Protein backbone atom coordinates (compact mmCIF):
# COMPACT_ATOMS: atom_id res chain seq x y z
CA MET A 1 -23.62 -11.17 -12.53
CA LEU A 2 -21.42 -14.05 -13.67
CA ILE A 3 -19.14 -11.72 -15.63
CA ALA A 4 -18.76 -9.32 -12.69
CA ALA A 5 -18.00 -12.19 -10.32
CA VAL A 6 -15.37 -13.66 -12.62
CA LEU A 7 -13.77 -10.24 -13.12
CA CYS A 8 -13.69 -9.75 -9.37
CA LEU A 9 -12.02 -13.12 -8.88
CA CYS A 10 -9.48 -12.28 -11.60
CA ALA A 11 -8.77 -8.97 -9.87
CA ALA A 12 -8.26 -10.86 -6.61
CA VAL A 13 -5.71 -13.16 -8.24
CA ALA A 14 -3.93 -10.21 -9.88
CA THR A 15 -3.80 -8.28 -6.61
CA ALA A 16 -2.43 -11.28 -4.73
CA ALA A 17 0.15 -11.85 -7.49
CA MET A 18 1.32 -8.24 -7.25
CA GLY A 19 1.57 -8.62 -3.49
CA LEU A 20 3.66 -11.76 -3.84
CA TRP A 21 5.88 -10.06 -6.41
CA SER A 22 6.43 -7.08 -4.11
CA ALA A 23 7.16 -9.35 -1.14
CA ALA A 24 9.67 -11.40 -3.11
CA ARG A 25 11.70 -8.34 -4.10
CA PRO A 26 14.89 -7.74 -2.11
CA TYR A 27 14.97 -4.87 0.36
CA ALA A 28 15.98 -1.64 -1.37
CA THR A 29 16.87 1.85 -0.24
CA ASP A 30 14.67 3.38 -2.95
CA GLN A 31 11.57 5.07 -1.54
CA VAL A 32 9.22 3.67 -4.18
CA ALA A 33 10.39 0.11 -3.54
CA GLN A 34 9.95 0.62 0.21
CA VAL A 35 6.38 1.83 -0.26
CA LEU A 36 5.57 -1.10 -2.57
CA ARG A 37 6.98 -3.54 -0.06
CA ALA A 38 5.14 -1.94 2.87
CA VAL A 39 1.80 -2.11 1.04
CA VAL A 40 1.94 -5.92 0.65
CA PRO A 41 -0.30 -6.72 3.65
CA THR A 42 -3.00 -4.38 2.40
CA GLN A 43 -2.75 -5.93 -1.06
CA PHE A 44 -3.37 -9.36 0.43
CA ALA A 45 -6.32 -7.98 2.42
CA ALA A 46 -7.76 -6.47 -0.76
CA ALA A 47 -7.28 -9.77 -2.59
CA VAL A 48 -9.24 -11.57 0.13
CA MET A 49 -12.01 -8.97 -0.05
CA LEU A 50 -12.21 -9.21 -3.83
CA GLY A 51 -12.23 -13.00 -3.69
CA ALA A 52 -14.99 -13.00 -1.10
CA GLY A 53 -17.02 -10.58 -3.19
CA GLY A 54 -16.61 -12.76 -6.27
CA VAL A 55 -17.61 -15.93 -4.46
CA VAL A 56 -20.65 -14.28 -2.86
CA ALA A 57 -21.67 -12.83 -6.23
CA LEU A 58 -21.58 -16.34 -7.70
CA ALA A 59 -23.40 -18.05 -4.84
CA ALA A 60 -25.97 -15.50 -3.62
CA PRO A 61 -29.17 -14.30 -5.27
CA PRO A 62 -28.56 -11.50 -7.80
CA HIS A 63 -29.57 -8.54 -5.60
CA ALA A 64 -27.58 -9.68 -2.57
CA GLY A 65 -24.66 -10.71 -4.76
CA LEU A 66 -24.51 -7.31 -6.42
CA LEU A 67 -24.60 -5.54 -3.07
CA ALA A 68 -21.84 -7.76 -1.66
CA LEU A 69 -19.76 -7.28 -4.80
CA VAL A 70 -20.01 -3.49 -4.64
CA VAL A 71 -19.20 -3.41 -0.93
CA CYS A 72 -16.20 -5.70 -1.37
CA VAL A 73 -14.80 -3.74 -4.31
CA ILE A 74 -15.17 -0.42 -2.48
CA GLY A 75 -13.60 -1.94 0.63
CA ALA A 76 -10.67 -3.36 -1.34
CA VAL A 77 -9.96 -0.07 -3.10
CA GLY A 78 -10.22 1.84 0.16
CA THR A 79 -7.93 -0.62 1.94
CA VAL A 80 -5.21 -0.33 -0.70
CA ALA A 81 -5.54 3.45 -0.81
CA ALA A 82 -5.23 3.75 2.97
CA GLY A 83 -2.28 1.35 2.99
CA CYS A 84 -0.48 3.30 0.27
CA TYR A 85 -1.06 6.57 2.12
CA GLN A 86 0.19 5.21 5.43
CA SER A 87 3.21 3.52 3.86
CA ALA A 88 4.20 6.63 1.92
CA LYS A 89 3.80 8.75 5.04
CA ALA A 90 6.01 6.40 7.06
CA VAL A 91 8.72 6.28 4.39
CA ALA A 92 8.67 10.09 4.03
CA LEU A 93 9.02 10.48 7.80
CA ARG A 94 11.92 8.03 7.87
CA GLU A 95 13.65 9.90 5.04
CA ALA A 96 13.13 13.25 6.79
CA LEU A 97 14.61 11.88 10.02
CA GLN A 98 17.64 10.53 8.16
CA LYS A 99 18.14 13.85 6.40
CA SER A 100 17.89 15.85 9.62
CA ALA A 101 20.33 13.49 11.32
CA ALA A 102 22.77 13.97 8.45
CA ASP A 103 22.38 17.75 8.67
CA GLU A 104 23.01 17.75 12.41
CA ALA A 105 26.06 15.53 11.97
CA SER A 106 27.65 18.10 9.66
CA CYS A 107 27.25 20.87 12.25
CA ALA A 108 30.07 21.46 14.69
CA GLY A 109 27.61 22.15 17.48
CA ALA A 110 28.59 25.76 18.07
CA CYS A 111 27.09 28.71 16.25
CA ALA A 112 30.40 30.56 16.21
CA SER A 113 32.04 27.85 14.12
CA CYS A 114 29.08 27.47 11.74
CA THR A 115 29.75 28.48 8.13
CA LEU A 116 26.25 27.71 6.92
CA SER A 117 24.34 30.78 5.84
CA CYS A 118 20.97 29.23 6.69
CA ARG A 119 21.63 29.13 10.43
């Protein structure tokens, strides 16, 4: 149980460090960088969950510690996965709106003057 608790605490520190690294990066127009930056709050939440699971695994009796450790690890992974999904969905929507706005700006507004074969 000691090894699992220490590994969980190390994972908490690594997750928090990745969150700090992503938060310290300057704002970029790249979609991947935007998703990484938007997922920072969920990374911090996962780090807290992993840290709590590690501390409980160290302090509680073995059966309760193992249960808490498993629940915290599953919760942390689920939190980061949901945050990545939501962030990617929001960035994709933003990109689609920008692309449609650019397409509409290139149109003259009248079908008779349109030279685009797709319309």
